[in-house]
Amino acid sequence: MARNISKLVLAALIAGTATVAAAQPLRCGQRGNMVEFLGERFQERQHGYGLVGNRAIVELFLSPEGTWTILMTGPDRQTCIVATGDGWEDVPALAGHDVTWRAPG
């Protein structure tokens, strides 16, 4: 019985999350306009980026106040806001742990 209640609660949480996600469409546009908006409105600047195979570029923008935005630009050059939030904290690198990515060769 308790197991069935747990499953129902989990299903309700998942359904609620899906509804919230569906209600918030991705905001897309030209990359230059998006970067300008993030800088002017939130004082966010690019902090890093990475490649998603040959399909997209993902960028992280941060502000001094801790707000953050993740942008994704596809092969069609369309840029979309994937996620936003606040309270970003950098994790300091530990001595002896090289976290810098280097291209092969």
PDB file of N, CA and C in Angstrom:
ATOM      1  N   MET A   1       0.821  -1.193   0.000  1.00  0.00           N
ATOM      2  CA  MET A   1       0.000   0.000   0.000  1.00  0.00           C
ATOM      3  C   MET A   1       0.866   1.258   0.000  1.00  0.00           C
ATOM      4  N   ALA A   2       1.859   1.313   0.917  1.00  0.00           N
ATOM      5  CA  ALA A   2       2.755   2.475   0.981  1.00  0.00           C
ATOM      6  C   ALA A   2       3.520   2.623  -0.328  1.00  0.00           C
ATOM      7  N   ARG A   3       3.872   1.496  -0.931  1.00  0.00           N
ATOM      8  CA  ARG A   3       4.608   1.533  -2.204  1.00  0.00           C
ATOM      9  C   ARG A   3       3.741   2.164  -3.298  1.00  0.00           C
ATOM     10  N   ASN A   4       2.439   1.827  -3.321  1.00  0.00           N
ATOM     11  CA  ASN A   4       1.528   2.401  -4.316  1.00  0.00           C
ATOM     12  C   ASN A   4       1.355   3.902  -4.105  1.00  0.00           C
ATOM     13  N   ILE A   5       1.292   4.331  -2.862  1.00  0.00           N
ATOM     14  CA  ILE A   5       1.169   5.765  -2.563  1.00  0.00           C
ATOM     15  C   ILE A   5       2.423   6.494  -3.028  1.00  0.00           C
ATOM     16  N   SER A   6       3.580   5.911  -2.776  1.00  0.00           N
ATOM     17  CA  SER A   6       4.832   6.521  -3.224  1.00  0.00           C
ATOM     18  C   SER A   6       4.857   6.663  -4.742  1.00  0.00           C
ATOM     19  N   LYS A   7       4.369   5.648  -5.447  1.00  0.00           N
ATOM     20  CA  LYS A   7       4.331   5.709  -6.903  1.00  0.00           C
ATOM     21  C   LYS A   7       3.389   6.806  -7.377  1.00  0.00           C
ATOM     22  N   LEU A   8       2.239   6.948  -6.713  1.00  0.00           N
ATOM     23  CA  LEU A   8       1.290   8.001  -7.086  1.00  0.00           C
ATOM     24  C   LEU A   8       1.877   9.388  -6.852  1.00  0.00           C
ATOM     25  N   VAL A   9       2.555   9.577  -5.722  1.00  0.00           N
ATOM     26  CA  VAL A   9       3.181  10.869  -5.427  1.00  0.00           C
ATOM     27  C   VAL A   9       4.246  11.174  -6.472  1.00  0.00           C
ATOM     28  N   LEU A  10       5.083  10.204  -6.800  1.00  0.00           N
ATOM     29  CA  LEU A  10       6.122  10.385  -7.809  1.00  0.00           C
ATOM     30  C   LEU A  10       5.506  10.730  -9.160  1.00  0.00           C
ATOM     31  N   ALA A  11       4.447  10.036  -9.544  1.00  0.00           N
ATOM     32  CA  ALA A  11       3.780  10.308 -10.820  1.00  0.00           C
ATOM     33  C   ALA A  11       3.212  11.728 -10.839  1.00  0.00           C
ATOM     34  N   ALA A  12       2.640  12.173  -9.728  1.00  0.00           N
ATOM     35  CA  ALA A  12       2.087  13.530  -9.649  1.00  0.00           C
ATOM     36  C   ALA A  12       3.188  14.573  -9.776  1.00  0.00           C
ATOM     37  N   LEU A  13       4.329  14.331  -9.139  1.00  0.00           N
ATOM     38  CA  LEU A  13       5.448  15.263  -9.241  1.00  0.00           C
ATOM     39  C   LEU A  13       5.963  15.351 -10.671  1.00  0.00           C
ATOM     40  N   ILE A  14       6.093  14.214 -11.321  1.00  0.00           N
ATOM     41  CA  ILE A  14       6.563  14.192 -12.704  1.00  0.00           C
ATOM     42  C   ILE A  14       5.567  14.907 -13.608  1.00  0.00           C
ATOM     43  N   ALA A  15       4.300  14.655 -13.422  1.00  0.00           N
ATOM     44  CA  ALA A  15       3.269  15.304 -14.237  1.00  0.00           C
ATOM     45  C   ALA A  15       3.290  16.810 -14.032  1.00  0.00           C
ATOM     46  N   GLY A  16       3.467  17.248 -12.803  1.00  0.00           N
ATOM     47  CA  GLY A  16       3.538  18.680 -12.507  1.00  0.00           C
ATOM     48  C   GLY A  16       4.746  19.330 -13.143  1.00  0.00           C
ATOM     49  N   THR A  17       5.869  18.652 -13.113  1.00  0.00           N
ATOM     50  CA  THR A  17       7.082  19.166 -13.734  1.00  0.00           C
ATOM     51  C   THR A  17       6.910  19.274 -15.236  1.00  0.00           C
ATOM     52  N   ALA A  18       6.302  18.271 -15.851  1.00  0.00           N
ATOM     53  CA  ALA A  18       6.101  18.297 -17.297  1.00  0.00           C
ATOM     54  C   ALA A  18       5.197  19.456 -17.687  1.00  0.00           C
ATOM     55  N   THR A  19       4.183  19.743 -16.883  1.00  0.00           N
ATOM     56  CA  THR A  19       3.279  20.846 -17.174  1.00  0.00           C
ATOM     57  C   THR A  19       4.008  22.172 -17.120  1.00  0.00           C
ATOM     58  N   VAL A  20       4.844  22.363 -16.103  1.00  0.00           N
ATOM     59  CA  VAL A  20       5.607  23.602 -15.977  1.00  0.00           C
ATOM     60  C   VAL A  20       6.542  23.749 -17.162  1.00  0.00           C
ATOM     61  N   ALA A  21       7.250  22.696 -17.539  1.00  0.00           N
ATOM     62  CA  ALA A  21       8.185  22.758 -18.660  1.00  0.00           C
ATOM     63  C   ALA A  21       7.452  23.082 -19.961  1.00  0.00           C
ATOM     64  N   ALA A  22       6.291  22.497 -20.151  1.00  0.00           N
ATOM     65  CA  ALA A  22       5.538  22.734 -21.375  1.00  0.00           C
ATOM     66  C   ALA A  22       5.020  24.165 -21.433  1.00  0.00           C
ATOM     67  N   ALA A  23       4.776  24.765 -20.287  1.00  0.00           N
ATOM     68  CA  ALA A  23       4.241  26.125 -20.239  1.00  0.00           C
ATOM     69  C   ALA A  23       5.311  27.174 -20.494  1.00  0.00           C
ATOM     70  N   GLN A  24       6.589  26.791 -20.488  1.00  0.00           N
ATOM     71  CA  GLN A  24       7.670  27.735 -20.671  1.00  0.00           C
ATOM     72  C   GLN A  24       8.433  27.406 -21.955  1.00  0.00           C
ATOM     73  N   PRO A  25       7.989  27.959 -23.090  1.00  0.00           N
ATOM     74  CA  PRO A  25       8.664  27.642 -24.347  1.00  0.00           C
ATOM     75  C   PRO A  25      10.071  28.232 -24.371  1.00  0.00           C
ATOM     76  N   LEU A  26      10.935  27.612 -25.179  1.00  0.00           N
ATOM     77  CA  LEU A  26      12.276  28.136 -25.336  1.00  0.00           C
ATOM     78  C   LEU A  26      12.220  29.509 -25.984  1.00  0.00           C
ATOM     79  N   ARG A  27      13.055  30.401 -25.532  1.00  0.00           N
ATOM     80  CA  ARG A  27      13.183  31.719 -26.143  1.00  0.00           C
ATOM     81  C   ARG A  27      14.342  31.652 -27.117  1.00  0.00           C
ATOM     82  N   CYS A  28      14.088  31.919 -28.380  1.00  0.00           N
ATOM     83  CA  CYS A  28      15.110  31.786 -29.413  1.00  0.00           C
ATOM     84  C   CYS A  28      15.232  33.073 -30.215  1.00  0.00           C
ATOM     85  N   GLY A  29      16.386  33.246 -30.828  1.00  0.00           N
ATOM     86  CA  GLY A  29      16.623  34.408 -31.666  1.00  0.00           C
ATOM     87  C   GLY A  29      18.042  34.408 -32.184  1.00  0.00           C
ATOM     88  N   GLN A  30      18.471  35.562 -32.704  1.00  0.00           N
ATOM     89  CA  GLN A  30      19.834  35.698 -33.173  1.00  0.00           C
ATOM     90  C   GLN A  30      20.777  35.778 -31.976  1.00  0.00           C
ATOM     91  N   ARG A  31      21.917  35.093 -32.069  1.00  0.00           N
ATOM     92  CA  ARG A  31      22.853  35.022 -30.948  1.00  0.00           C
ATOM     93  C   ARG A  31      23.268  36.415 -30.465  1.00  0.00           C
ATOM     94  N   GLY A  32      23.603  37.293 -31.390  1.00  0.00           N
ATOM     95  CA  GLY A  32      24.030  38.640 -31.007  1.00  0.00           C
ATOM     96  C   GLY A  32      22.999  39.369 -30.168  1.00  0.00           C
ATOM     97  N   ASN A  33      21.737  39.247 -30.542  1.00  0.00           N
ATOM     98  CA  ASN A  33      20.662  39.888 -29.784  1.00  0.00           C
ATOM     99  C   ASN A  33      20.524  39.267 -28.398  1.00  0.00           C
ATOM    100  N   MET A  34      20.664  37.938 -28.333  1.00  0.00           N
ATOM    101  CA  MET A  34      20.539  37.244 -27.049  1.00  0.00           C
ATOM    102  C   MET A  34      21.669  37.661 -26.104  1.00  0.00           C
ATOM    103  N   VAL A  35      22.902  37.691 -26.623  1.00  0.00           N
ATOM    104  CA  VAL A  35      24.061  38.063 -25.806  1.00  0.00           C
ATOM    105  C   VAL A  35      23.923  39.508 -25.324  1.00  0.00           C
ATOM    106  N   GLU A  36      23.483  40.391 -26.203  1.00  0.00           N
ATOM    107  CA  GLU A  36      23.286  41.793 -25.829  1.00  0.00           C
ATOM    108  C   GLU A  36      22.236  41.916 -24.725  1.00  0.00           C
ATOM    109  N   PHE A  37      21.134  41.201 -24.866  1.00  0.00           N
ATOM    110  CA  PHE A  37      20.068  41.220 -23.861  1.00  0.00           C
ATOM    111  C   PHE A  37      20.588  40.737 -22.506  1.00  0.00           C
ATOM    112  N   LEU A  38      21.319  39.622 -22.499  1.00  0.00           N
ATOM    113  CA  LEU A  38      21.838  39.080 -21.238  1.00  0.00           C
ATOM    114  C   LEU A  38      22.799  40.061 -20.575  1.00  0.00           C
ATOM    115  N   GLY A  39      23.609  40.734 -21.370  1.00  0.00           N
ATOM    116  CA  GLY A  39      24.550  41.706 -20.821  1.00  0.00           C
ATOM    117  C   GLY A  39      23.867  42.930 -20.252  1.00  0.00           C
ATOM    118  N   GLU A  40      22.923  43.476 -20.999  1.00  0.00           N
ATOM    119  CA  GLU A  40      22.241  44.695 -20.560  1.00  0.00           C
ATOM    120  C   GLU A  40      21.288  44.442 -19.392  1.00  0.00           C
ATOM    121  N   ARG A  41      20.520  43.379 -19.482  1.00  0.00           N
ATOM    122  CA  ARG A  41      19.472  43.124 -18.477  1.00  0.00           C
ATOM    123  C   ARG A  41      20.014  42.492 -17.195  1.00  0.00           C
ATOM    124  N   PHE A  42      20.983  41.564 -17.326  1.00  0.00           N
ATOM    125  CA  PHE A  42      21.443  40.804 -16.171  1.00  0.00           C
ATOM    126  C   PHE A  42      22.940  40.939 -15.889  1.00  0.00           C
ATOM    127  N   GLN A  43      23.650  41.713 -16.729  1.00  0.00           N
ATOM    128  CA  GLN A  43      25.101  41.857 -16.614  1.00  0.00           C
ATOM    129  C   GLN A  43      25.804  40.495 -16.720  1.00  0.00           C
ATOM    130  N   GLU A  44      25.233  39.600 -17.510  1.00  0.00           N
ATOM    131  CA  GLU A  44      25.825  38.282 -17.707  1.00  0.00           C
ATOM    132  C   GLU A  44      26.791  38.315 -18.880  1.00  0.00           C
ATOM    133  N   ARG A  45      27.919  37.644 -18.693  1.00  0.00           N
ATOM    134  CA  ARG A  45      28.950  37.524 -19.724  1.00  0.00           C
ATOM    135  C   ARG A  45      29.284  36.052 -19.917  1.00  0.00           C
ATOM    136  N   GLN A  46      29.785  35.719 -21.098  1.00  0.00           N
ATOM    137  CA  GLN A  46      30.135  34.328 -21.379  1.00  0.00           C
ATOM    138  C   GLN A  46      31.232  33.866 -20.428  1.00  0.00           C
ATOM    139  N   HIS A  47      31.000  32.710 -19.815  1.00  0.00           N
ATOM    140  CA  HIS A  47      31.948  32.119 -18.874  1.00  0.00           C
ATOM    141  C   HIS A  47      32.603  30.872 -19.464  1.00  0.00           C
ATOM    142  N   GLY A  48      31.923  30.224 -20.393  1.00  0.00           N
ATOM    143  CA  GLY A  48      32.476  29.027 -21.009  1.00  0.00           C
ATOM    144  C   GLY A  48      31.543  28.507 -22.077  1.00  0.00           C
ATOM    145  N   TYR A  49      32.056  27.548 -22.832  1.00  0.00           N
ATOM    146  CA  TYR A  49      31.244  26.931 -23.879  1.00  0.00           C
ATOM    147  C   TYR A  49      31.739  25.518 -24.138  1.00  0.00           C
ATOM    148  N   GLY A  50      30.917  24.743 -24.820  1.00  0.00           N
ATOM    149  CA  GLY A  50      31.279  23.381 -25.192  1.00  0.00           C
ATOM    150  C   GLY A  50      30.523  22.961 -26.436  1.00  0.00           C
ATOM    151  N   LEU A  51      31.028  21.934 -27.071  1.00  0.00           N
ATOM    152  CA  LEU A  51      30.419  21.420 -28.286  1.00  0.00           C
ATOM    153  C   LEU A  51      29.555  20.209 -27.972  1.00  0.00           C
ATOM    154  N   VAL A  52      28.439  20.116 -28.654  1.00  0.00           N
ATOM    155  CA  VAL A  52      27.572  18.948 -28.569  1.00  0.00           C
ATOM    156  C   VAL A  52      27.737  18.228 -29.904  1.00  0.00           C
ATOM    157  N   GLY A  53      28.795  17.416 -29.988  1.00  0.00           N
ATOM    158  CA  GLY A  53      29.140  16.770 -31.249  1.00  0.00           C
ATOM    159  C   GLY A  53      29.332  17.827 -32.319  1.00  0.00           C
ATOM    160  N   ASN A  54      28.773  17.582 -33.484  1.00  0.00           N
ATOM    161  CA  ASN A  54      28.805  18.596 -34.534  1.00  0.00           C
ATOM    162  C   ASN A  54      27.420  19.204 -34.723  1.00  0.00           C
ATOM    163  N   ARG A  55      26.579  19.102 -33.693  1.00  0.00           N
ATOM    164  CA  ARG A  55      25.186  19.536 -33.787  1.00  0.00           C
ATOM    165  C   ARG A  55      24.892  20.875 -33.117  1.00  0.00           C
ATOM    166  N   ALA A  56      25.701  21.285 -32.117  1.00  0.00           N
ATOM    167  CA  ALA A  56      25.368  22.513 -31.408  1.00  0.00           C
ATOM    168  C   ALA A  56      26.538  23.000 -30.554  1.00  0.00           C
ATOM    169  N   ILE A  57      26.441  24.250 -30.156  1.00  0.00           N
ATOM    170  CA  ILE A  57      27.366  24.850 -29.198  1.00  0.00           C
ATOM    171  C   ILE A  57      26.527  25.262 -27.990  1.00  0.00           C
ATOM    172  N   VAL A  58      26.989  24.896 -26.804  1.00  0.00           N
ATOM    173  CA  VAL A  58      26.323  25.277 -25.563  1.00  0.00           C
ATOM    174  C   VAL A  58      27.216  26.292 -24.860  1.00  0.00           C
ATOM    175  N   GLU A  59      26.625  27.390 -24.395  1.00  0.00           N
ATOM    176  CA  GLU A  59      27.383  28.446 -23.727  1.00  0.00           C
ATOM    177  C   GLU A  59      26.794  28.734 -22.357  1.00  0.00           C
ATOM    178  N   LEU A  60      27.665  29.044 -21.414  1.00  0.00           N
ATOM    179  CA  LEU A  60      27.247  29.431 -20.071  1.00  0.00           C
ATOM    180  C   LEU A  60      27.562  30.907 -19.877  1.00  0.00           C
ATOM    181  N   PHE A  61      26.554  31.678 -19.492  1.00  0.00           N
ATOM    182  CA  PHE A  61      26.710  33.092 -19.193  1.00  0.00           C
ATOM    183  C   PHE A  61      26.451  33.299 -17.708  1.00  0.00           C
ATOM    184  N   LEU A  62      27.314  34.076 -17.052  1.00  0.00           N
ATOM    185  CA  LEU A  62      27.206  34.330 -15.609  1.00  0.00           C
ATOM    186  C   LEU A  62      27.277  35.824 -15.327  1.00  0.00           C
ATOM    187  N   SER A  63      26.627  36.223 -14.240  1.00  0.00           N
ATOM    188  CA  SER A  63      26.740  37.603 -13.762  1.00  0.00           C
ATOM    189  C   SER A  63      27.493  37.608 -12.438  1.00  0.00           C
ATOM    190  N   PRO A  64      28.032  38.760 -12.047  1.00  0.00           N
ATOM    191  CA  PRO A  64      28.696  38.858 -10.746  1.00  0.00           C
ATOM    192  C   PRO A  64      27.746  38.554  -9.578  1.00  0.00           C
ATOM    193  N   GLU A  65      26.435  38.747  -9.792  1.00  0.00           N
ATOM    194  CA  GLU A  65      25.450  38.494  -8.737  1.00  0.00           C
ATOM    195  C   GLU A  65      25.064  37.027  -8.630  1.00  0.00           C
ATOM    196  N   GLY A  66      25.524  36.197  -9.565  1.00  0.00           N
ATOM    197  CA  GLY A  66      25.240  34.767  -9.496  1.00  0.00           C
ATOM    198  C   GLY A  66      24.119  34.288 -10.395  1.00  0.00           C
ATOM    199  N   THR A  67      23.513  35.189 -11.208  1.00  0.00           N
ATOM    200  CA  THR A  67      22.515  34.709 -12.157  1.00  0.00           C
ATOM    201  C   THR A  67      23.253  34.010 -13.300  1.00  0.00           C
ATOM    202  N   TRP A  68      22.573  33.061 -13.944  1.00  0.00           N
ATOM    203  CA  TRP A  68      23.206  32.312 -15.029  1.00  0.00           C
ATOM    204  C   TRP A  68      22.183  31.959 -16.094  1.00  0.00           C
ATOM    205  N   THR A  69      22.700  31.801 -17.312  1.00  0.00           N
ATOM    206  CA  THR A  69      21.881  31.409 -18.458  1.00  0.00           C
ATOM    207  C   THR A  69      22.688  30.447 -19.309  1.00  0.00           C
ATOM    208  N   ILE A  70      22.034  29.417 -19.817  1.00  0.00           N
ATOM    209  CA  ILE A  70      22.658  28.494 -20.753  1.00  0.00           C
ATOM    210  C   ILE A  70      21.992  28.694 -22.112  1.00  0.00           C
ATOM    211  N   LEU A  71      22.825  29.004 -23.107  1.00  0.00           N
ATOM    212  CA  LEU A  71      22.361  29.158 -24.484  1.00  0.00           C
ATOM    213  C   LEU A  71      22.814  27.972 -25.315  1.00  0.00           C
ATOM    214  N   MET A  72      22.026  27.617 -26.323  1.00  0.00           N
ATOM    215  CA  MET A  72      22.424  26.584 -27.270  1.00  0.00           C
ATOM    216  C   MET A  72      22.204  27.126 -28.675  1.00  0.00           C
ATOM    217  N   THR A  73      23.237  27.006 -29.513  1.00  0.00           N
ATOM    218  CA  THR A  73      23.154  27.449 -30.900  1.00  0.00           C
ATOM    219  C   THR A  73      23.314  26.228 -31.797  1.00  0.00           C
ATOM    220  N   GLY A  74      22.355  26.030 -32.679  1.00  0.00           N
ATOM    221  CA  GLY A  74      22.367  24.874 -33.573  1.00  0.00           C
ATOM    222  C   GLY A  74      23.020  25.190 -34.904  1.00  0.00           C
ATOM    223  N   PRO A  75      23.101  24.182 -35.765  1.00  0.00           N
ATOM    224  CA  PRO A  75      23.724  24.363 -37.071  1.00  0.00           C
ATOM    225  C   PRO A  75      23.010  25.403 -37.940  1.00  0.00           C
ATOM    226  N   ASP A  76      21.741  25.662 -37.640  1.00  0.00           N
ATOM    227  CA  ASP A  76      20.988  26.685 -38.382  1.00  0.00           C
ATOM    228  C   ASP A  76      21.255  28.091 -37.844  1.00  0.00           C
ATOM    229  N   ARG A  77      22.171  28.179 -36.862  1.00  0.00           N
ATOM    230  CA  ARG A  77      22.583  29.440 -36.213  1.00  0.00           C
ATOM    231  C   ARG A  77      21.482  30.051 -35.349  1.00  0.00           C
ATOM    232  N   GLN A  78      20.437  29.305 -35.093  1.00  0.00           N
ATOM    233  CA  GLN A  78      19.382  29.739 -34.180  1.00  0.00           C
ATOM    234  C   GLN A  78      19.877  29.525 -32.756  1.00  0.00           C
ATOM    235  N   THR A  79      19.784  30.540 -31.911  1.00  0.00           N
ATOM    236  CA  THR A  79      20.223  30.456 -30.523  1.00  0.00           C
ATOM    237  C   THR A  79      19.007  30.459 -29.614  1.00  0.00           C
ATOM    238  N   CYS A  80      18.984  29.521 -28.654  1.00  0.00           N
ATOM    239  CA  CYS A  80      17.854  29.417 -27.725  1.00  0.00           C
ATOM    240  C   CYS A  80      18.352  29.393 -26.289  1.00  0.00           C
ATOM    241  N   ILE A  81      17.561  29.980 -25.401  1.00  0.00           N
ATOM    242  CA  ILE A  81      17.820  29.882 -23.969  1.00  0.00           C
ATOM    243  C   ILE A  81      17.333  28.508 -23.527  1.00  0.00           C
ATOM    244  N   VAL A  82      18.237  27.711 -22.985  1.00  0.00           N
ATOM    245  CA  VAL A  82      17.911  26.359 -22.549  1.00  0.00           C
ATOM    246  C   VAL A  82      17.525  26.349 -21.079  1.00  0.00           C
ATOM    247  N   ALA A  83      18.227  27.143 -20.266  1.00  0.00           N
ATOM    248  CA  ALA A  83      17.954  27.177 -18.825  1.00  0.00           C
ATOM    249  C   ALA A  83      18.465  28.485 -18.246  1.00  0.00           C
ATOM    250  N   THR A  84      17.842  28.912 -17.156  1.00  0.00           N
ATOM    251  CA  THR A  84      18.272  30.106 -16.423  1.00  0.00           C
ATOM    252  C   THR A  84      18.138  29.842 -14.933  1.00  0.00           C
ATOM    253  N   GLY A  85      18.835  30.623 -14.146  1.00  0.00           N
ATOM    254  CA  GLY A  85      18.715  30.474 -12.706  1.00  0.00           C
ATOM    255  C   GLY A  85      19.556  31.502 -11.968  1.00  0.00           C
ATOM    256  N   ASP A  86      19.673  31.286 -10.678  1.00  0.00           N
ATOM    257  CA  ASP A  86      20.528  32.165  -9.869  1.00  0.00           C
ATOM    258  C   ASP A  86      21.245  31.332  -8.823  1.00  0.00           C
ATOM    259  N   GLY A  87      22.151  31.961  -8.115  1.00  0.00           N
ATOM    260  CA  GLY A  87      22.897  31.266  -7.080  1.00  0.00           C
ATOM    261  C   GLY A  87      24.048  30.435  -7.620  1.00  0.00           C
ATOM    262  N   TRP A  88      24.576  30.790  -8.807  1.00  0.00           N
ATOM    263  CA  TRP A  88      25.687  30.029  -9.372  1.00  0.00           C
ATOM    264  C   TRP A  88      26.908  30.162  -8.472  1.00  0.00           C
ATOM    265  N   GLU A  89      27.592  29.069  -8.245  1.00  0.00           N
ATOM    266  CA  GLU A  89      28.836  29.054  -7.466  1.00  0.00           C
ATOM    267  C   GLU A  89      29.881  28.280  -8.241  1.00  0.00           C
ATOM    268  N   ASP A  90      31.045  28.890  -8.457  1.00  0.00           N
ATOM    269  CA  ASP A  90      32.159  28.169  -9.066  1.00  0.00           C
ATOM    270  C   ASP A  90      32.766  27.241  -8.036  1.00  0.00           C
ATOM    271  N   VAL A  91      33.179  26.080  -8.473  1.00  0.00           N
ATOM    272  CA  VAL A  91      33.854  25.119  -7.606  1.00  0.00           C
ATOM    273  C   VAL A  91      35.352  25.303  -7.828  1.00  0.00           C
ATOM    274  N   PRO A  92      36.099  25.612  -6.769  1.00  0.00           N
ATOM    275  CA  PRO A  92      37.540  25.800  -6.957  1.00  0.00           C
ATOM    276  C   PRO A  92      38.214  24.495  -7.361  1.00  0.00           C
ATOM    277  N   ALA A  93      39.211  24.623  -8.230  1.00  0.00           N
ATOM    278  CA  ALA A  93      39.965  23.442  -8.667  1.00  0.00           C
ATOM    279  C   ALA A  93      40.810  22.940  -7.501  1.00  0.00           C
ATOM    280  N   LEU A  94      40.844  21.646  -7.324  1.00  0.00           N
ATOM    281  CA  LEU A  94      41.652  21.043  -6.277  1.00  0.00           C
ATOM    282  C   LEU A  94      43.085  20.895  -6.748  1.00  0.00           C
ATOM    283  N   ALA A  95      44.028  21.093  -5.865  1.00  0.00           N
ATOM    284  CA  ALA A  95      45.436  20.944  -6.209  1.00  0.00           C
ATOM    285  C   ALA A  95      45.679  19.534  -6.740  1.00  0.00           C
ATOM    286  N   GLY A  96      46.388  19.444  -7.854  1.00  0.00           N
ATOM    287  CA  GLY A  96      46.701  18.140  -8.433  1.00  0.00           C
ATOM    288  C   GLY A  96      45.641  17.596  -9.367  1.00  0.00           C
ATOM    289  N   HIS A  97      44.533  18.319  -9.525  1.00  0.00           N
ATOM    290  CA  HIS A  97      43.459  17.879 -10.415  1.00  0.00           C
ATOM    291  C   HIS A  97      43.359  18.852 -11.577  1.00  0.00           C
ATOM    292  N   ASP A  98      43.883  18.462 -12.722  1.00  0.00           N
ATOM    293  CA  ASP A  98      43.842  19.307 -13.902  1.00  0.00           C
ATOM    294  C   ASP A  98      42.470  19.182 -14.548  1.00  0.00           C
ATOM    295  N   VAL A  99      41.702  20.276 -14.553  1.00  0.00           N
ATOM    296  CA  VAL A  99      40.364  20.246 -15.130  1.00  0.00           C
ATOM    297  C   VAL A  99      40.319  20.976 -16.459  1.00  0.00           C
ATOM    298  N   THR A 100      41.469  21.394 -16.972  1.00  0.00           N
ATOM    299  CA  THR A 100      41.516  22.102 -18.244  1.00  0.00           C
ATOM    300  C   THR A 100      41.462  21.100 -19.388  1.00  0.00           C
ATOM    301  N   TRP A 101      40.517  21.300 -20.284  1.00  0.00           N
ATOM    302  CA  TRP A 101      40.387  20.430 -21.431  1.00  0.00           C
ATOM    303  C   TRP A 101      41.388  20.853 -22.489  1.00  0.00           C
ATOM    304  N   ARG A 102      42.029  19.906 -23.095  1.00  0.00           N
ATOM    305  CA  ARG A 102      42.983  20.168 -24.163  1.00  0.00           C
ATOM    306  C   ARG A 102      42.612  19.321 -25.377  1.00  0.00           C
ATOM    307  N   ALA A 103      42.694  19.940 -26.556  1.00  0.00           N
ATOM    308  CA  ALA A 103      42.398  19.215 -27.794  1.00  0.00           C
ATOM    309  C   ALA A 103      43.460  18.150 -28.027  1.00  0.00           C
ATOM    310  N   PRO A 104      43.059  16.977 -28.503  1.00  0.00           N
ATOM    311  CA  PRO A 104      44.036  15.928 -28.812  1.00  0.00           C
ATOM    312  C   PRO A 104      45.019  16.391 -29.887  1.00  0.00           C
ATOM    313  N   GLY A 105      46.245  15.881 -29.791  1.00  0.00           N
ATOM    314  CA  GLY A 105      47.229  16.153 -30.840  1.00  0.00           C
ATOM    315  C   GLY A 105      48.107  17.216 -30.501  1.00  0.00           C
TER     316      GLY A 105
END
